[in-house]
Amino acid sequence: MVTNAKTVVEIIESYKGEGYIYEFCIKDEMLYCISVDRKYQPDELEIEKSESFEGEPDISGNITSGKTIVYAIAAEDGTKGILINAYGLYSPAEPARILSEIPVRKK
């Protein structure tokens, strides 16, 4: 879904208000939640929603170039968090591959 939100920060704050309070990142070819110090297999997760932006956030959170997607992700253990992934000419392929293995909630 392409959004009309002004900044990535606004979407992150919105998701946090919905309970997606943790931060996910890619570590050792798995999704990792920093706050709970746990790695998750794709079948333990579900992408519940996402917002796409044409452009990457600069330091102030404004969109500049490329493409950024903010994911709201839930784990089967109840952990809910956010992953931000930027796509562009020099982006690594690993995050896209890992994210493609995580089921997406049907609307």
C-alpha atoms as a PDB file:
ATOM      1  CA  MET A   1       0.000   0.000   0.000  1.00  0.00           C
ATOM      2  CA  VAL A   2       1.463   3.368  -0.978  1.00  0.00           C
ATOM      3  CA  THR A   3       0.667   5.923   1.679  1.00  0.00           C
ATOM      4  CA  ASN A   4       0.197   9.666   1.762  1.00  0.00           C
ATOM      5  CA  ALA A   5       1.864   9.967   5.169  1.00  0.00           C
ATOM      6  CA  LYS A   6       4.446  12.720   5.358  1.00  0.00           C
ATOM      7  CA  THR A   7       7.166  10.713   7.073  1.00  0.00           C
ATOM      8  CA  VAL A   8       8.245   7.206   7.937  1.00  0.00           C
ATOM      9  CA  VAL A   9       8.350   8.377  11.555  1.00  0.00           C
ATOM     10  CA  GLU A  10       4.595   9.046  11.489  1.00  0.00           C
ATOM     11  CA  ILE A  11       3.892   5.483  10.366  1.00  0.00           C
ATOM     12  CA  ILE A  12       6.246   4.045  12.983  1.00  0.00           C
ATOM     13  CA  GLU A  13       4.487   6.045  15.693  1.00  0.00           C
ATOM     14  CA  SER A  14       1.104   4.897  14.380  1.00  0.00           C
ATOM     15  CA  TYR A  15       2.193   1.241  14.459  1.00  0.00           C
ATOM     16  CA  LYS A  16       3.616   1.673  17.959  1.00  0.00           C
ATOM     17  CA  GLY A  17       0.221   3.018  19.033  1.00  0.00           C
ATOM     18  CA  GLU A  18      -1.282  -0.231  17.714  1.00  0.00           C
ATOM     19  CA  GLY A  19       1.055  -2.326  19.871  1.00  0.00           C
ATOM     20  CA  TYR A  20       3.983  -2.946  17.500  1.00  0.00           C
ATOM     21  CA  ILE A  21       6.458  -1.731  20.086  1.00  0.00           C
ATOM     22  CA  TYR A  22       9.565  -3.808  19.356  1.00  0.00           C
ATOM     23  CA  GLU A  23      12.240  -3.391  16.706  1.00  0.00           C
ATOM     24  CA  PHE A  24      13.109  -6.186  14.289  1.00  0.00           C
ATOM     25  CA  CYS A  25      16.233  -6.424  12.149  1.00  0.00           C
ATOM     26  CA  ILE A  26      17.887  -9.015   9.908  1.00  0.00           C
ATOM     27  CA  LYS A  27      20.633 -10.953  11.701  1.00  0.00           C
ATOM     28  CA  ASP A  28      22.296 -14.214  10.644  1.00  0.00           C
ATOM     29  CA  GLU A  29      19.728 -14.676   7.845  1.00  0.00           C
ATOM     30  CA  MET A  30      16.805 -14.528  10.301  1.00  0.00           C
ATOM     31  CA  LEU A  31      14.528 -11.888  11.721  1.00  0.00           C
ATOM     32  CA  TYR A  32      15.848 -10.807  15.098  1.00  0.00           C
ATOM     33  CA  CYS A  33      14.037  -8.856  17.817  1.00  0.00           C
ATOM     34  CA  ILE A  34      16.573  -6.728  19.632  1.00  0.00           C
ATOM     35  CA  SER A  35      14.482  -6.069  22.757  1.00  0.00           C
ATOM     36  CA  VAL A  36      13.688  -9.712  23.532  1.00  0.00           C
ATOM     37  CA  ASP A  37      17.048 -10.987  22.181  1.00  0.00           C
ATOM     38  CA  ARG A  38      15.433 -13.667  20.027  1.00  0.00           C
ATOM     39  CA  LYS A  39      15.748 -14.870  16.437  1.00  0.00           C
ATOM     40  CA  TYR A  40      12.623 -16.019  14.603  1.00  0.00           C
ATOM     41  CA  GLN A  41      12.065 -18.473  11.781  1.00  0.00           C
ATOM     42  CA  PRO A  42       9.732 -17.215   9.009  1.00  0.00           C
ATOM     43  CA  ASP A  43       7.010 -19.704  10.028  1.00  0.00           C
ATOM     44  CA  GLU A  44       6.931 -18.141  13.532  1.00  0.00           C
ATOM     45  CA  LEU A  45       6.024 -14.727  12.094  1.00  0.00           C
ATOM     46  CA  GLU A  46       3.310 -12.960  10.153  1.00  0.00           C
ATOM     47  CA  ILE A  47       3.438  -9.635   8.346  1.00  0.00           C
ATOM     48  CA  GLU A  48       0.215  -8.032   9.546  1.00  0.00           C
ATOM     49  CA  LYS A  49       0.487  -4.780   7.597  1.00  0.00           C
ATOM     50  CA  SER A  50       2.950  -2.656   5.690  1.00  0.00           C
ATOM     51  CA  GLU A  51       3.294   0.839   4.292  1.00  0.00           C
ATOM     52  CA  SER A  52       5.345   1.653   1.184  1.00  0.00           C
ATOM     53  CA  PHE A  53       7.051   4.928   0.398  1.00  0.00           C
ATOM     54  CA  GLU A  54       8.665   6.038  -2.797  1.00  0.00           C
ATOM     55  CA  GLY A  55      11.872   7.324  -1.303  1.00  0.00           C
ATOM     56  CA  GLU A  56      14.111   6.637   1.659  1.00  0.00           C
ATOM     57  CA  PRO A  57      13.931   8.611   4.885  1.00  0.00           C
ATOM     58  CA  ASP A  58      16.605  11.170   5.551  1.00  0.00           C
ATOM     59  CA  ILE A  59      17.729  11.992   9.086  1.00  0.00           C
ATOM     60  CA  SER A  60      14.560  14.030   9.729  1.00  0.00           C
ATOM     61  CA  GLY A  61      12.284  11.208   8.539  1.00  0.00           C
ATOM     62  CA  ASN A  62      11.379  12.914   5.257  1.00  0.00           C
ATOM     63  CA  ILE A  63      11.352  10.840   2.064  1.00  0.00           C
ATOM     64  CA  THR A  64      14.139  11.547  -0.418  1.00  0.00           C
ATOM     65  CA  SER A  65      14.821   8.734  -2.959  1.00  0.00           C
ATOM     66  CA  GLY A  66      14.476   4.969  -3.510  1.00  0.00           C
ATOM     67  CA  LYS A  67      11.748   2.924  -1.804  1.00  0.00           C
ATOM     68  CA  THR A  68      11.142   2.197   1.868  1.00  0.00           C
ATOM     69  CA  ILE A  69       8.681  -0.274   3.383  1.00  0.00           C
ATOM     70  CA  VAL A  70       7.695  -0.265   7.041  1.00  0.00           C
ATOM     71  CA  TYR A  71       6.423  -3.686   8.167  1.00  0.00           C
ATOM     72  CA  ALA A  72       4.251  -4.437  11.221  1.00  0.00           C
ATOM     73  CA  ILE A  73       5.174  -7.995  12.219  1.00  0.00           C
ATOM     74  CA  ALA A  74       3.711 -10.325  14.845  1.00  0.00           C
ATOM     75  CA  ALA A  75       5.422 -13.437  16.217  1.00  0.00           C
ATOM     76  CA  GLU A  76       3.505 -16.461  17.460  1.00  0.00           C
ATOM     77  CA  ASP A  77       4.881 -15.815  20.977  1.00  0.00           C
ATOM     78  CA  GLY A  78       3.023 -12.466  21.067  1.00  0.00           C
ATOM     79  CA  THR A  79       5.981 -10.227  20.216  1.00  0.00           C
ATOM     80  CA  LYS A  80       4.845  -7.416  17.896  1.00  0.00           C
ATOM     81  CA  GLY A  81       7.319  -5.116  16.231  1.00  0.00           C
ATOM     82  CA  ILE A  82       8.430  -3.073  13.260  1.00  0.00           C
ATOM     83  CA  LEU A  83      10.969  -3.702  10.519  1.00  0.00           C
ATOM     84  CA  ILE A  84      12.055  -0.954   8.145  1.00  0.00           C
ATOM     85  CA  ASN A  85      13.511  -2.038   4.815  1.00  0.00           C
ATOM     86  CA  ALA A  86      14.897   0.309   2.185  1.00  0.00           C
ATOM     87  CA  TYR A  87      15.187  -0.808  -1.418  1.00  0.00           C
ATOM     88  CA  GLY A  88      17.432   0.811  -3.959  1.00  0.00           C
ATOM     89  CA  LEU A  89      20.182   0.276  -6.446  1.00  0.00           C
ATOM     90  CA  TYR A  90      22.724  -0.739  -3.797  1.00  0.00           C
ATOM     91  CA  SER A  91      20.428  -2.627  -1.403  1.00  0.00           C
ATOM     92  CA  PRO A  92      21.418  -6.170  -0.424  1.00  0.00           C
ATOM     93  CA  ALA A  93      19.141  -9.003  -1.598  1.00  0.00           C
ATOM     94  CA  GLU A  94      19.074 -10.835   1.758  1.00  0.00           C
ATOM     95  CA  PRO A  95      16.298  -8.801   3.470  1.00  0.00           C
ATOM     96  CA  ALA A  96      13.966  -9.184   0.475  1.00  0.00           C
ATOM     97  CA  ARG A  97      14.579 -12.940   0.393  1.00  0.00           C
ATOM     98  CA  ILE A  98      13.932 -13.349   4.125  1.00  0.00           C
ATOM     99  CA  LEU A  99      10.814 -11.169   4.035  1.00  0.00           C
ATOM    100  CA  SER A 100       9.436 -13.149   1.092  1.00  0.00           C
ATOM    101  CA  GLU A 101       9.434 -16.260   3.304  1.00  0.00           C
ATOM    102  CA  ILE A 102       7.251 -14.653   6.035  1.00  0.00           C
ATOM    103  CA  PRO A 103       3.498 -15.178   5.550  1.00  0.00           C
ATOM    104  CA  VAL A 104       1.390 -12.070   4.987  1.00  0.00           C
ATOM    105  CA  ARG A 105      -1.961 -11.702   6.772  1.00  0.00           C
ATOM    106  CA  LYS A 106      -4.877 -11.993   4.394  1.00  0.00           C
ATOM    107  CA  LYS A 107      -7.176  -8.971   4.486  1.00  0.00           C
END
